[in-house]
Protein backbone atom coordinates (compact mmCIF):
# COMPACT_ATOMS: atom_id res chain seq x y z
CA MET A 1 102.08 77.27 109.38
CA ALA A 2 99.27 79.21 109.57
CA ARG A 3 98.62 78.58 113.11
CA VAL A 4 101.92 79.85 114.34
CA ARG A 5 101.96 83.46 114.94
CA HIS A 6 104.94 85.23 113.39
CA LEU A 7 105.81 88.47 111.79
CA HIS A 8 106.35 88.46 107.78
CA LEU A 9 108.52 91.35 106.84
CA GLN A 10 108.80 91.74 102.85
CA ILE A 11 109.83 94.99 101.11
CA GLY A 12 107.32 95.09 98.18
CA GLN A 13 107.96 97.82 95.21
CA GLN A 14 104.68 96.82 93.29
CA TYR A 15 101.10 96.53 94.94
CA CYS A 16 97.97 94.83 93.68
CA GLN A 17 95.09 97.03 92.87
CA LYS A 18 91.81 95.99 94.37
CA GLU A 19 90.69 94.21 91.34
CA GLU A 20 93.80 92.04 91.30
CA LYS A 21 93.46 90.75 94.84
CA ASP A 22 92.76 87.00 94.36
CA ASN A 23 95.38 85.52 96.43
CA TRP A 24 96.04 85.17 100.06
CA GLY A 25 98.69 85.83 102.44
CA CYS A 26 101.64 88.80 101.24
CA LYS A 27 100.38 87.84 97.55
CA TYR A 28 97.25 89.64 98.59
CA PHE A 29 99.16 92.79 98.48
CA ILE A 30 102.27 92.50 97.01
CA LYS A 31 102.73 92.09 93.14
CA ASP A 32 106.49 91.94 93.00
CA PHE A 33 106.27 88.57 95.52
CA TYR A 34 109.23 86.92 94.69
CA ARG A 35 111.28 89.91 93.31
CA SER A 36 110.63 92.11 96.30
CA LEU A 37 113.54 93.73 98.34
CA ASN A 38 114.97 91.39 101.16
CA PRO A 39 114.59 93.53 104.38
CA HIS A 40 117.66 91.89 105.78
CA ASP A 41 119.82 93.81 103.64
CA TYR A 42 118.36 97.26 105.06
CA TRP A 43 118.88 96.82 109.06
CA ALA A 44 119.99 99.87 110.73
CA ASP A 45 122.77 98.12 112.44
CA GLY A 46 124.21 96.43 108.92
CA PRO A 47 123.09 94.01 106.84
CA LYS A 48 121.52 90.60 108.44
CA ASN A 49 121.88 92.35 111.92
CA VAL A 50 118.13 92.56 113.30
CA THR A 51 118.23 96.03 114.83
CA CYS A 52 115.74 96.69 117.90
CA PHE A 53 113.72 99.94 117.81
CA GLU A 54 114.86 102.52 120.60
CA LYS A 55 112.72 105.21 121.07
CA GLY A 56 114.31 108.78 120.93
CA LYS A 57 117.26 107.17 118.53
CA GLU A 58 117.62 108.43 115.23
CA TYR A 59 118.54 106.02 112.24
CA LYS A 60 119.82 106.51 108.98
CA ARG A 61 117.15 107.01 106.26
CA GLY A 62 116.79 103.98 104.25
CA THR A 63 117.35 101.67 107.06
CA LEU A 64 114.96 99.28 109.27
CA THR A 65 114.42 98.56 112.67
CA TYR A 66 112.13 95.82 114.33
CA PRO A 67 108.64 97.43 114.20
CA ILE A 68 108.63 97.07 118.37
CA PRO A 69 111.05 97.48 121.15
CA CYS A 70 113.11 94.21 121.83
CA ARG A 71 112.88 92.94 125.57
CA LYS A 72 116.03 93.78 127.33
CA ASN A 73 116.94 90.81 129.67
């Protein structure tokens, strides 16, 4: 899996201090790895509805968008 380019989106609420960083991947940064918030519950267009970023659009506080604009075909 490490050779496949992908975006790992996770919302941590507890972060590792420098001396605790003995893992790799997201565990290197996030202490509450299995208890972190599910980002799919916080999309701007509603839960489980991935929301593309649109420049100039205002979003409700506490919601997420995909971090880059989506391609329109």
